[in-house]
Amino acid sequence: AADFSDDNSNGVIDPLLGEMPGVNWASFGGLIVNDTASEEIIAT
């Protein structure tokens, strides 16, 4: 989550707007870690 960027400052992370990094391999399991002190809202 420290790598997410709320570019439009709406309080929501939108992966379609490039506000969070994508995965390298879609066919393998992934992990999202909130390593910040606040909650992150991911919406799409």
PDB file of all heavy atoms in Angstrom:
ATOM      1  N   ALA A   1       0.815  -1.210   0.000  1.00  0.00           N
ATOM      2  CA  ALA A   1       0.000   0.000   0.000  1.00  0.00           C
ATOM      3  C   ALA A   1       0.854   1.267   0.000  1.00  0.00           C
ATOM      4  O   ALA A   1       0.419   2.303  -0.504  1.00  0.00           O
ATOM      5  CB  ALA A   1      -0.933   0.005   1.212  1.00  0.00           C
ATOM      6  N   ALA A   2       2.063   1.203   0.521  1.00  0.00           N
ATOM      7  CA  ALA A   2       2.940   2.375   0.501  1.00  0.00           C
ATOM      8  C   ALA A   2       3.284   2.797  -0.934  1.00  0.00           C
ATOM      9  O   ALA A   2       3.635   3.949  -1.169  1.00  0.00           O
ATOM     10  CB  ALA A   2       4.223   2.092   1.281  1.00  0.00           C
ATOM     11  N   ASP A   3       3.140   1.880  -1.890  1.00  0.00           N
ATOM     12  CA  ASP A   3       3.415   2.187  -3.294  1.00  0.00           C
ATOM     13  C   ASP A   3       2.190   2.701  -4.047  1.00  0.00           C
ATOM     14  O   ASP A   3       2.282   3.060  -5.214  1.00  0.00           O
ATOM     15  CB  ASP A   3       3.969   0.957  -4.017  1.00  0.00           C
ATOM     16  CG  ASP A   3       5.300   0.498  -3.456  1.00  0.00           C
ATOM     17  OD1 ASP A   3       6.053   1.354  -2.953  1.00  0.00           O
ATOM     18  OD2 ASP A   3       5.573  -0.708  -3.519  1.00  0.00           O
ATOM     19  N   PHE A   4       1.019   2.702  -3.402  1.00  0.00           N
ATOM     20  CA  PHE A   4      -0.193   3.207  -4.041  1.00  0.00           C
ATOM     21  C   PHE A   4      -0.136   4.729  -4.079  1.00  0.00           C
ATOM     22  O   PHE A   4       0.462   5.363  -3.217  1.00  0.00           O
ATOM     23  CB  PHE A   4      -1.452   2.784  -3.282  1.00  0.00           C
ATOM     24  CG  PHE A   4      -1.660   1.295  -3.164  1.00  0.00           C
ATOM     25  CD1 PHE A   4      -2.657   0.796  -2.369  1.00  0.00           C
ATOM     26  CD2 PHE A   4      -0.863   0.387  -3.845  1.00  0.00           C
ATOM     27  CE1 PHE A   4      -2.873  -0.566  -2.240  1.00  0.00           C
ATOM     28  CE2 PHE A   4      -1.064  -0.977  -3.721  1.00  0.00           C
ATOM     29  CZ  PHE A   4      -2.077  -1.452  -2.926  1.00  0.00           C
ATOM     30  N   SER A   5      -0.778   5.325  -5.075  1.00  0.00           N
ATOM     31  CA  SER A   5      -0.826   6.788  -5.146  1.00  0.00           C
ATOM     32  C   SER A   5      -2.235   7.226  -5.537  1.00  0.00           C
ATOM     33  O   SER A   5      -2.727   6.863  -6.587  1.00  0.00           O
ATOM     34  CB  SER A   5       0.191   7.311  -6.164  1.00  0.00           C
ATOM     35  OG  SER A   5      -0.106   6.816  -7.451  1.00  0.00           O
ATOM     36  N   ASP A   6      -2.874   7.965  -4.662  1.00  0.00           N
ATOM     37  CA  ASP A   6      -4.217   8.475  -4.913  1.00  0.00           C
ATOM     38  C   ASP A   6      -4.092   9.735  -5.765  1.00  0.00           C
ATOM     39  O   ASP A   6      -4.192  10.859  -5.277  1.00  0.00           O
ATOM     40  CB  ASP A   6      -4.920   8.754  -3.585  1.00  0.00           C
ATOM     41  CG  ASP A   6      -6.372   9.132  -3.772  1.00  0.00           C
ATOM     42  OD1 ASP A   6      -6.882   9.044  -4.903  1.00  0.00           O
ATOM     43  OD2 ASP A   6      -6.998   9.530  -2.772  1.00  0.00           O
ATOM     44  N   ASP A   7      -3.867   9.560  -7.059  1.00  0.00           N
ATOM     45  CA  ASP A   7      -3.559  10.663  -7.962  1.00  0.00           C
ATOM     46  C   ASP A   7      -4.673  11.709  -8.055  1.00  0.00           C
ATOM     47  O   ASP A   7      -4.409  12.890  -8.191  1.00  0.00           O
ATOM     48  CB  ASP A   7      -3.230  10.133  -9.352  1.00  0.00           C
ATOM     49  CG  ASP A   7      -1.963   9.301  -9.367  1.00  0.00           C
ATOM     50  OD1 ASP A   7      -1.119   9.488  -8.448  1.00  0.00           O
ATOM     51  OD2 ASP A   7      -1.807   8.463 -10.268  1.00  0.00           O
ATOM     52  N   ASN A   8      -5.935  11.261  -7.977  1.00  0.00           N
ATOM     53  CA  ASN A   8      -7.035  12.216  -8.092  1.00  0.00           C
ATOM     54  C   ASN A   8      -7.553  12.666  -6.720  1.00  0.00           C
ATOM     55  O   ASN A   8      -8.566  13.340  -6.635  1.00  0.00           O
ATOM     56  CB  ASN A   8      -8.173  11.649  -8.938  1.00  0.00           C
ATOM     57  CG  ASN A   8      -8.687  10.328  -8.406  1.00  0.00           C
ATOM     58  OD1 ASN A   8      -8.294   9.881  -7.332  1.00  0.00           O
ATOM     59  ND2 ASN A   8      -9.564   9.697  -9.172  1.00  0.00           N
ATOM     60  N   SER A   9      -6.880  12.281  -5.647  1.00  0.00           N
ATOM     61  CA  SER A   9      -7.173  12.722  -4.266  1.00  0.00           C
ATOM     62  C   SER A   9      -8.626  12.514  -3.859  1.00  0.00           C
ATOM     63  O   SER A   9      -9.212  13.333  -3.160  1.00  0.00           O
ATOM     64  CB  SER A   9      -6.803  14.195  -4.092  1.00  0.00           C
ATOM     65  OG  SER A   9      -5.448  14.390  -4.368  1.00  0.00           O
ATOM     66  N   ASN A  10      -9.206  11.388  -4.259  1.00  0.00           N
ATOM     67  CA  ASN A  10     -10.591  11.106  -3.872  1.00  0.00           C
ATOM     68  C   ASN A  10     -10.693  10.111  -2.714  1.00  0.00           C
ATOM     69  O   ASN A  10     -11.787   9.707  -2.342  1.00  0.00           O
ATOM     70  CB  ASN A  10     -11.395  10.604  -5.072  1.00  0.00           C
ATOM     71  CG  ASN A  10     -10.940   9.249  -5.572  1.00  0.00           C
ATOM     72  OD1 ASN A  10      -9.898   8.733  -5.149  1.00  0.00           O
ATOM     73  ND2 ASN A  10     -11.699   8.670  -6.492  1.00  0.00           N
ATOM     74  N   GLY A  11      -9.566   9.700  -2.141  1.00  0.00           N
ATOM     75  CA  GLY A  11      -9.576   8.785  -1.009  1.00  0.00           C
ATOM     76  C   GLY A  11      -9.742   7.329  -1.384  1.00  0.00           C
ATOM     77  O   GLY A  11      -9.892   6.472  -0.522  1.00  0.00           O
ATOM     78  N   VAL A  12      -9.735   7.030  -2.676  1.00  0.00           N
ATOM     79  CA  VAL A  12      -9.933   5.664  -3.164  1.00  0.00           C
ATOM     80  C   VAL A  12      -8.822   5.333  -4.153  1.00  0.00           C
ATOM     81  O   VAL A  12      -8.491   6.144  -5.012  1.00  0.00           O
ATOM     82  CB  VAL A  12     -11.314   5.526  -3.857  1.00  0.00           C
ATOM     83  CG1 VAL A  12     -11.496   4.153  -4.450  1.00  0.00           C
ATOM     84  CG2 VAL A  12     -12.432   5.843  -2.879  1.00  0.00           C
ATOM     85  N   ILE A  13      -8.269   4.144  -4.023  1.00  0.00           N
ATOM     86  CA  ILE A  13      -7.248   3.678  -4.950  1.00  0.00           C
ATOM     87  C   ILE A  13      -7.945   2.946  -6.093  1.00  0.00           C
ATOM     88  O   ILE A  13      -8.701   2.005  -5.873  1.00  0.00           O
ATOM     89  CB  ILE A  13      -6.246   2.734  -4.246  1.00  0.00           C
ATOM     90  CG1 ILE A  13      -5.591   3.430  -3.050  1.00  0.00           C
ATOM     91  CG2 ILE A  13      -5.217   2.199  -5.220  1.00  0.00           C
ATOM     92  CD1 ILE A  13      -4.807   4.668  -3.407  1.00  0.00           C
ATOM     93  N   ASP A  14      -7.713   3.385  -7.308  1.00  0.00           N
ATOM     94  CA  ASP A  14      -8.332   2.777  -8.483  1.00  0.00           C
ATOM     95  C   ASP A  14      -7.241   2.146  -9.341  1.00  0.00           C
ATOM     96  O   ASP A  14      -6.420   2.847  -9.937  1.00  0.00           O
ATOM     97  CB  ASP A  14      -9.087   3.834  -9.287  1.00  0.00           C
ATOM     98  CG  ASP A  14      -9.920   3.234 -10.403  1.00  0.00           C
ATOM     99  OD1 ASP A  14      -9.614   2.117 -10.856  1.00  0.00           O
ATOM    100  OD2 ASP A  14     -10.882   3.898 -10.824  1.00  0.00           O
ATOM    101  N   PRO A  15      -7.206   0.805  -9.429  1.00  0.00           N
ATOM    102  CA  PRO A  15      -6.159   0.151 -10.218  1.00  0.00           C
ATOM    103  C   PRO A  15      -6.226   0.487 -11.710  1.00  0.00           C
ATOM    104  O   PRO A  15      -5.205   0.482 -12.385  1.00  0.00           O
ATOM    105  CB  PRO A  15      -6.394  -1.340  -9.984  1.00  0.00           C
ATOM    106  CG  PRO A  15      -7.644  -1.478  -9.234  1.00  0.00           C
ATOM    107  CD  PRO A  15      -8.079  -0.142  -8.756  1.00  0.00           C
ATOM    108  N   LEU A  16      -7.404   0.819 -12.223  1.00  0.00           N
ATOM    109  CA  LEU A  16      -7.529   1.142 -13.644  1.00  0.00           C
ATOM    110  C   LEU A  16      -6.890   2.479 -13.987  1.00  0.00           C
ATOM    111  O   LEU A  16      -6.536   2.726 -15.137  1.00  0.00           O
ATOM    112  CB  LEU A  16      -8.999   1.148 -14.062  1.00  0.00           C
ATOM    113  CG  LEU A  16      -9.695  -0.215 -14.030  1.00  0.00           C
ATOM    114  CD1 LEU A  16     -11.150  -0.059 -14.439  1.00  0.00           C
ATOM    115  CD2 LEU A  16      -8.979  -1.209 -14.915  1.00  0.00           C
ATOM    116  N   LEU A  17      -6.740   3.352 -12.990  1.00  0.00           N
ATOM    117  CA  LEU A  17      -6.112   4.650 -13.213  1.00  0.00           C
ATOM    118  C   LEU A  17      -4.612   4.598 -12.947  1.00  0.00           C
ATOM    119  O   LEU A  17      -3.945   5.631 -12.947  1.00  0.00           O
ATOM    120  CB  LEU A  17      -6.759   5.708 -12.315  1.00  0.00           C
ATOM    121  CG  LEU A  17      -8.244   5.977 -12.551  1.00  0.00           C
ATOM    122  CD1 LEU A  17      -8.770   6.988 -11.548  1.00  0.00           C
ATOM    123  CD2 LEU A  17      -8.480   6.448 -13.977  1.00  0.00           C
ATOM    124  N   GLY A  18      -4.099   3.416 -12.695  1.00  0.00           N
ATOM    125  CA  GLY A  18      -2.675   3.261 -12.439  1.00  0.00           C
ATOM    126  C   GLY A  18      -2.261   3.720 -11.047  1.00  0.00           C
ATOM    127  O   GLY A  18      -1.104   4.054 -10.824  1.00  0.00           O
ATOM    128  N   GLU A  19      -3.212   3.726 -10.109  1.00  0.00           N
ATOM    129  CA  GLU A  19      -2.907   4.192  -8.763  1.00  0.00           C
ATOM    130  C   GLU A  19      -2.283   3.102  -7.887  1.00  0.00           C
ATOM    131  O   GLU A  19      -1.929   3.364  -6.743  1.00  0.00           O
ATOM    132  CB  GLU A  19      -4.170   4.755  -8.102  1.00  0.00           C
ATOM    133  CG  GLU A  19      -4.670   6.005  -8.801  1.00  0.00           C
ATOM    134  CD  GLU A  19      -5.886   6.617  -8.148  1.00  0.00           C
ATOM    135  OE1 GLU A  19      -6.665   5.894  -7.487  1.00  0.00           O
ATOM    136  OE2 GLU A  19      -6.074   7.834  -8.303  1.00  0.00           O
ATOM    137  N   MET A  20      -2.190   1.910  -8.407  1.00  0.00           N
ATOM    138  CA  MET A  20      -1.489   0.834  -7.708  1.00  0.00           C
ATOM    139  C   MET A  20      -0.749  -0.003  -8.746  1.00  0.00           C
ATOM    140  O   MET A  20      -1.181  -0.095  -9.894  1.00  0.00           O
ATOM    141  CB  MET A  20      -2.448  -0.033  -6.893  1.00  0.00           C
ATOM    142  CG  MET A  20      -3.420  -0.857  -7.695  1.00  0.00           C
ATOM    143  SD  MET A  20      -4.583  -1.808  -6.702  1.00  0.00           S
ATOM    144  CE  MET A  20      -3.527  -2.958  -5.890  1.00  0.00           C
ATOM    145  N   PRO A  21       0.395  -0.568  -8.374  1.00  0.00           N
ATOM    146  CA  PRO A  21       1.147  -1.368  -9.349  1.00  0.00           C
ATOM    147  C   PRO A  21       0.386  -2.633  -9.736  1.00  0.00           C
ATOM    148  O   PRO A  21      -0.371  -3.177  -8.930  1.00  0.00           O
ATOM    149  CB  PRO A  21       2.438  -1.721  -8.603  1.00  0.00           C
ATOM    150  CG  PRO A  21       2.288  -1.260  -7.215  1.00  0.00           C
ATOM    151  CD  PRO A  21       1.030  -0.482  -7.086  1.00  0.00           C
ATOM    152  N   GLY A  22       0.586  -3.076 -10.956  1.00  0.00           N
ATOM    153  CA  GLY A  22      -0.018  -4.314 -11.412  1.00  0.00           C
ATOM    154  C   GLY A  22       0.839  -5.504 -11.012  1.00  0.00           C
ATOM    155  O   GLY A  22       1.887  -5.356 -10.384  1.00  0.00           O
ATOM    156  N   VAL A  23       0.383  -6.684 -11.358  1.00  0.00           N
ATOM    157  CA  VAL A  23       1.154  -7.893 -11.067  1.00  0.00           C
ATOM    158  C   VAL A  23       1.948  -8.289 -12.302  1.00  0.00           C
ATOM    159  O   VAL A  23       1.567  -7.973 -13.428  1.00  0.00           O
ATOM    160  CB  VAL A  23       0.246  -9.057 -10.612  1.00  0.00           C
ATOM    161  CG1 VAL A  23      -0.408  -8.750  -9.285  1.00  0.00           C
ATOM    162  CG2 VAL A  23      -0.811  -9.379 -11.657  1.00  0.00           C
ATOM    163  N   ASN A  24       3.055  -8.968 -12.097  1.00  0.00           N
ATOM    164  CA  ASN A  24       3.871  -9.434 -13.214  1.00  0.00           C
ATOM    165  C   ASN A  24       3.309 -10.696 -13.858  1.00  0.00           C
ATOM    166  O   ASN A  24       3.507 -10.921 -15.046  1.00  0.00           O
ATOM    167  CB  ASN A  24       5.302  -9.707 -12.750  1.00  0.00           C
ATOM    168  CG  ASN A  24       6.049  -8.440 -12.424  1.00  0.00           C
ATOM    169  OD1 ASN A  24       5.591  -7.344 -12.693  1.00  0.00           O
ATOM    170  ND2 ASN A  24       7.204  -8.584 -11.817  1.00  0.00           N
ATOM    171  N   TRP A  25       2.656 -11.523 -13.070  1.00  0.00           N
ATOM    172  CA  TRP A  25       2.200 -12.832 -13.551  1.00  0.00           C
ATOM    173  C   TRP A  25       0.754 -13.041 -13.133  1.00  0.00           C
ATOM    174  O   TRP A  25       0.470 -13.349 -11.983  1.00  0.00           O
ATOM    175  CB  TRP A  25       3.074 -13.942 -12.978  1.00  0.00           C
ATOM    176  CG  TRP A  25       4.524 -13.718 -13.222  1.00  0.00           C
ATOM    177  CD1 TRP A  25       5.423 -13.126 -12.383  1.00  0.00           C
ATOM    178  CD2 TRP A  25       5.245 -14.044 -14.404  1.00  0.00           C
ATOM    179  NE1 TRP A  25       6.654 -13.077 -12.957  1.00  0.00           N
ATOM    180  CE2 TRP A  25       6.583 -13.642 -14.206  1.00  0.00           C
ATOM    181  CE3 TRP A  25       4.908 -14.648 -15.610  1.00  0.00           C
ATOM    182  CZ2 TRP A  25       7.565 -13.825 -15.169  1.00  0.00           C
ATOM    183  CZ3 TRP A  25       5.887 -14.825 -16.563  1.00  0.00           C
ATOM    184  CH2 TRP A  25       7.192 -14.417 -16.338  1.00  0.00           C
ATOM    185  N   ALA A  26      -0.198 -12.897 -14.046  1.00  0.00           N
ATOM    186  CA  ALA A  26      -1.608 -13.018 -13.715  1.00  0.00           C
ATOM    187  C   ALA A  26      -2.017 -14.450 -13.387  1.00  0.00           C
ATOM    188  O   ALA A  26      -3.027 -14.668 -12.747  1.00  0.00           O
ATOM    189  CB  ALA A  26      -2.465 -12.492 -14.870  1.00  0.00           C
ATOM    190  N   SER A  27      -1.244 -15.429 -13.810  1.00  0.00           N
ATOM    191  CA  SER A  27      -1.654 -16.813 -13.591  1.00  0.00           C
ATOM    192  C   SER A  27      -1.126 -17.391 -12.289  1.00  0.00           C
ATOM    193  O   SER A  27      -1.338 -18.566 -12.010  1.00  0.00           O
ATOM    194  CB  SER A  27      -1.182 -17.681 -14.761  1.00  0.00           C
ATOM    195  OG  SER A  27       0.217 -17.576 -14.911  1.00  0.00           O
ATOM    196  N   PHE A  28      -0.457 -16.583 -11.457  1.00  0.00           N
ATOM    197  CA  PHE A  28       0.033 -17.059 -10.171  1.00  0.00           C
ATOM    198  C   PHE A  28      -0.551 -16.192  -9.065  1.00  0.00           C
ATOM    199  O   PHE A  28      -0.875 -15.033  -9.279  1.00  0.00           O
ATOM    200  CB  PHE A  28       1.561 -17.004 -10.118  1.00  0.00           C
ATOM    201  CG  PHE A  28       2.212 -17.922 -11.105  1.00  0.00           C
ATOM    202  CD1 PHE A  28       2.747 -17.420 -12.275  1.00  0.00           C
ATOM    203  CD2 PHE A  28       2.269 -19.280 -10.873  1.00  0.00           C
ATOM    204  CE1 PHE A  28       3.335 -18.253 -13.199  1.00  0.00           C
ATOM    205  CE2 PHE A  28       2.860 -20.126 -11.794  1.00  0.00           C
ATOM    206  CZ  PHE A  28       3.394 -19.621 -12.959  1.00  0.00           C
ATOM    207  N   GLY A  29      -0.657 -16.757  -7.886  1.00  0.00           N
ATOM    208  CA  GLY A  29      -1.219 -16.045  -6.749  1.00  0.00           C
ATOM    209  C   GLY A  29      -0.445 -14.788  -6.404  1.00  0.00           C
ATOM    210  O   GLY A  29       0.753 -14.696  -6.627  1.00  0.00           O
ATOM    211  N   GLY A  30      -1.150 -13.816  -5.872  1.00  0.00           N
ATOM    212  CA  GLY A  30      -0.527 -12.553  -5.501  1.00  0.00           C
ATOM    213  C   GLY A  30      -0.843 -12.177  -4.070  1.00  0.00           C
ATOM    214  O   GLY A  30      -1.617 -12.846  -3.390  1.00  0.00           O
ATOM    215  N   LEU A  31      -0.255 -11.098  -3.625  1.00  0.00           N
ATOM    216  CA  LEU A  31      -0.381 -10.664  -2.253  1.00  0.00           C
ATOM    217  C   LEU A  31      -0.432  -9.139  -2.228  1.00  0.00           C
ATOM    218  O   LEU A  31       0.349  -8.487  -2.916  1.00  0.00           O
ATOM    219  CB  LEU A  31       0.851 -11.160  -1.482  1.00  0.00           C
ATOM    220  CG  LEU A  31       0.974 -10.914  -0.007  1.00  0.00           C
ATOM    221  CD1 LEU A  31      -0.060 -11.729   0.764  1.00  0.00           C
ATOM    222  CD2 LEU A  31       2.369 -11.319   0.453  1.00  0.00           C
ATOM    223  N   ILE A  32      -1.390  -8.584  -1.464  1.00  0.00           N
ATOM    224  CA  ILE A  32      -1.445  -7.136  -1.259  1.00  0.00           C
ATOM    225  C   ILE A  32      -1.265  -6.906   0.238  1.00  0.00           C
ATOM    226  O   ILE A  32      -1.997  -7.468   1.049  1.00  0.00           O
ATOM    227  CB  ILE A  32      -2.771  -6.530  -1.749  1.00  0.00           C
ATOM    228  CG1 ILE A  32      -2.923  -6.734  -3.250  1.00  0.00           C
ATOM    229  CG2 ILE A  32      -2.831  -5.048  -1.399  1.00  0.00           C
ATOM    230  CD1 ILE A  32      -4.254  -6.279  -3.811  1.00  0.00           C
ATOM    231  N   VAL A  33      -0.281  -6.107   0.598  1.00  0.00           N
ATOM    232  CA  VAL A  33       0.052  -5.859   2.000  1.00  0.00           C
ATOM    233  C   VAL A  33      -0.181  -4.387   2.319  1.00  0.00           C
ATOM    234  O   VAL A  33       0.342  -3.522   1.623  1.00  0.00           O
ATOM    235  CB  VAL A  33       1.537  -6.210   2.276  1.00  0.00           C
ATOM    236  CG1 VAL A  33       1.886  -5.939   3.727  1.00  0.00           C
ATOM    237  CG2 VAL A  33       1.838  -7.651   1.904  1.00  0.00           C
ATOM    238  N   ASN A  34      -0.975  -4.119   3.361  1.00  0.00           N
ATOM    239  CA  ASN A  34      -1.135  -2.743   3.811  1.00  0.00           C
ATOM    240  C   ASN A  34      -0.019  -2.476   4.815  1.00  0.00           C
ATOM    241  O   ASN A  34      -0.113  -2.819   5.983  1.00  0.00           O
ATOM    242  CB  ASN A  34      -2.498  -2.520   4.451  1.00  0.00           C
ATOM    243  CG  ASN A  34      -2.706  -1.071   4.820  1.00  0.00           C
ATOM    244  OD1 ASN A  34      -1.813  -0.243   4.673  1.00  0.00           O
ATOM    245  ND2 ASN A  34      -3.892  -0.755   5.299  1.00  0.00           N
ATOM    246  N   ASP A  35       1.040  -1.854   4.344  1.00  0.00           N
ATOM    247  CA  ASP A  35       2.184  -1.541   5.197  1.00  0.00           C
ATOM    248  C   ASP A  35       2.167  -0.076   5.621  1.00  0.00           C
ATOM    249  O   ASP A  35       3.198   0.505   5.934  1.00  0.00           O
ATOM    250  CB  ASP A  35       3.496  -1.882   4.490  1.00  0.00           C
ATOM    251  CG  ASP A  35       3.647  -1.178   3.157  1.00  0.00           C
ATOM    252  OD1 ASP A  35       2.649  -0.645   2.639  1.00  0.00           O
ATOM    253  OD2 ASP A  35       4.766  -1.162   2.626  1.00  0.00           O
ATOM    254  N   THR A  36       0.975   0.517   5.648  1.00  0.00           N
ATOM    255  CA  THR A  36       0.820   1.913   6.075  1.00  0.00           C
ATOM    256  C   THR A  36       0.088   1.943   7.415  1.00  0.00           C
ATOM    257  O   THR A  36      -0.416   0.921   7.879  1.00  0.00           O
ATOM    258  CB  THR A  36       0.019   2.724   5.044  1.00  0.00           C
ATOM    259  OG1 THR A  36      -1.330   2.235   5.012  1.00  0.00           O
ATOM    260  CG2 THR A  36       0.638   2.626   3.663  1.00  0.00           C
ATOM    261  N   ALA A  37       0.004   3.102   8.015  1.00  0.00           N
ATOM    262  CA  ALA A  37      -0.688   3.262   9.288  1.00  0.00           C
ATOM    263  C   ALA A  37      -2.177   3.536   9.102  1.00  0.00           C
ATOM    264  O   ALA A  37      -2.900   3.681  10.078  1.00  0.00           O
ATOM    265  CB  ALA A  37      -0.050   4.395  10.084  1.00  0.00           C
ATOM    266  N   SER A  38      -2.654   3.615   7.877  1.00  0.00           N
ATOM    267  CA  SER A  38      -4.063   3.925   7.641  1.00  0.00           C
ATOM    268  C   SER A  38      -4.707   2.854   6.779  1.00  0.00           C
ATOM    269  O   SER A  38      -4.035   2.078   6.124  1.00  0.00           O
ATOM    270  CB  SER A  38      -4.193   5.287   6.959  1.00  0.00           C
ATOM    271  OG  SER A  38      -3.541   5.255   5.712  1.00  0.00           O
ATOM    272  N   GLU A  39      -6.048   2.851   6.798  1.00  0.00           N
ATOM    273  CA  GLU A  39      -6.770   1.939   5.928  1.00  0.00           C
ATOM    274  C   GLU A  39      -6.682   2.434   4.499  1.00  0.00           C
ATOM    275  O   GLU A  39      -6.645   3.633   4.246  1.00  0.00           O
ATOM    276  CB  GLU A  39      -8.236   1.836   6.337  1.00  0.00           C
ATOM    277  CG  GLU A  39      -8.464   1.026   7.572  1.00  0.00           C
ATOM    278  CD  GLU A  39      -9.935   0.725   7.809  1.00  0.00           C
ATOM    279  OE1 GLU A  39     -10.781   1.166   7.005  1.00  0.00           O
ATOM    280  OE2 GLU A  39     -10.223   0.056   8.795  1.00  0.00           O
ATOM    281  N   GLU A  40      -6.651   1.509   3.572  1.00  0.00           N
ATOM    282  CA  GLU A  40      -6.654   1.843   2.153  1.00  0.00           C
ATOM    283  C   GLU A  40      -7.940   1.314   1.544  1.00  0.00           C
ATOM    284  O   GLU A  40      -8.323   0.174   1.809  1.00  0.00           O
ATOM    285  CB  GLU A  40      -5.452   1.214   1.441  1.00  0.00           C
ATOM    286  CG  GLU A  40      -4.118   1.724   1.910  1.00  0.00           C
ATOM    287  CD  GLU A  40      -3.855   3.157   1.481  1.00  0.00           C
ATOM    288  OE1 GLU A  40      -4.446   3.617   0.499  1.00  0.00           O
ATOM    289  OE2 GLU A  40      -3.049   3.816   2.163  1.00  0.00           O
ATOM    290  N   ILE A  41      -8.608   2.125   0.754  1.00  0.00           N
ATOM    291  CA  ILE A  41      -9.828   1.703   0.069  1.00  0.00           C
ATOM    292  C   ILE A  41      -9.481   1.503  -1.397  1.00  0.00           C
ATOM    293  O   ILE A  41      -9.020   2.423  -2.070  1.00  0.00           O
ATOM    294  CB  ILE A  41     -10.946   2.749   0.220  1.00  0.00           C
ATOM    295  CG1 ILE A  41     -11.268   2.947   1.710  1.00  0.00           C
ATOM    296  CG2 ILE A  41     -12.184   2.320  -0.556  1.00  0.00           C
ATOM    297  CD1 ILE A  41     -12.213   4.102   1.970  1.00  0.00           C
ATOM    298  N   ILE A  42      -9.699   0.292  -1.866  1.00  0.00           N
ATOM    299  CA  ILE A  42      -9.454  -0.035  -3.265  1.00  0.00           C
ATOM    300  C   ILE A  42     -10.812  -0.283  -3.900  1.00  0.00           C
ATOM    301  O   ILE A  42     -11.563  -1.131  -3.435  1.00  0.00           O
ATOM    302  CB  ILE A  42      -8.556  -1.275  -3.399  1.00  0.00           C
ATOM    303  CG1 ILE A  42      -7.238  -1.051  -2.672  1.00  0.00           C
ATOM    304  CG2 ILE A  42      -8.338  -1.627  -4.864  1.00  0.00           C
ATOM    305  CD1 ILE A  42      -6.369  -2.289  -2.570  1.00  0.00           C
ATOM    306  N   ALA A  43     -11.148   0.462  -4.932  1.00  0.00           N
ATOM    307  CA  ALA A  43     -12.466   0.339  -5.539  1.00  0.00           C
ATOM    308  C   ALA A  43     -12.359   0.310  -7.053  1.00  0.00           C
ATOM    309  O   ALA A  43     -11.552   1.026  -7.647  1.00  0.00           O
ATOM    310  CB  ALA A  43     -13.352   1.498  -5.113  1.00  0.00           C
ATOM    311  N   THR A  44     -13.184  -0.526  -7.650  1.00  0.00           N
ATOM    312  CA  THR A  44     -13.277  -0.627  -9.095  1.00  0.00           C
ATOM    313  C   THR A  44     -14.532  -1.410  -9.433  1.00  0.00           C
ATOM    314  O   THR A  44     -15.114  -2.058  -8.561  1.00  0.00           O
ATOM    315  CB  THR A  44     -12.012  -1.296  -9.684  1.00  0.00           C
ATOM    316  OG1 THR A  44     -12.128  -1.331 -11.102  1.00  0.00           O
ATOM    317  CG2 THR A  44     -11.818  -2.686  -9.147  1.00  0.00           C
TER     318      THR A  44
END
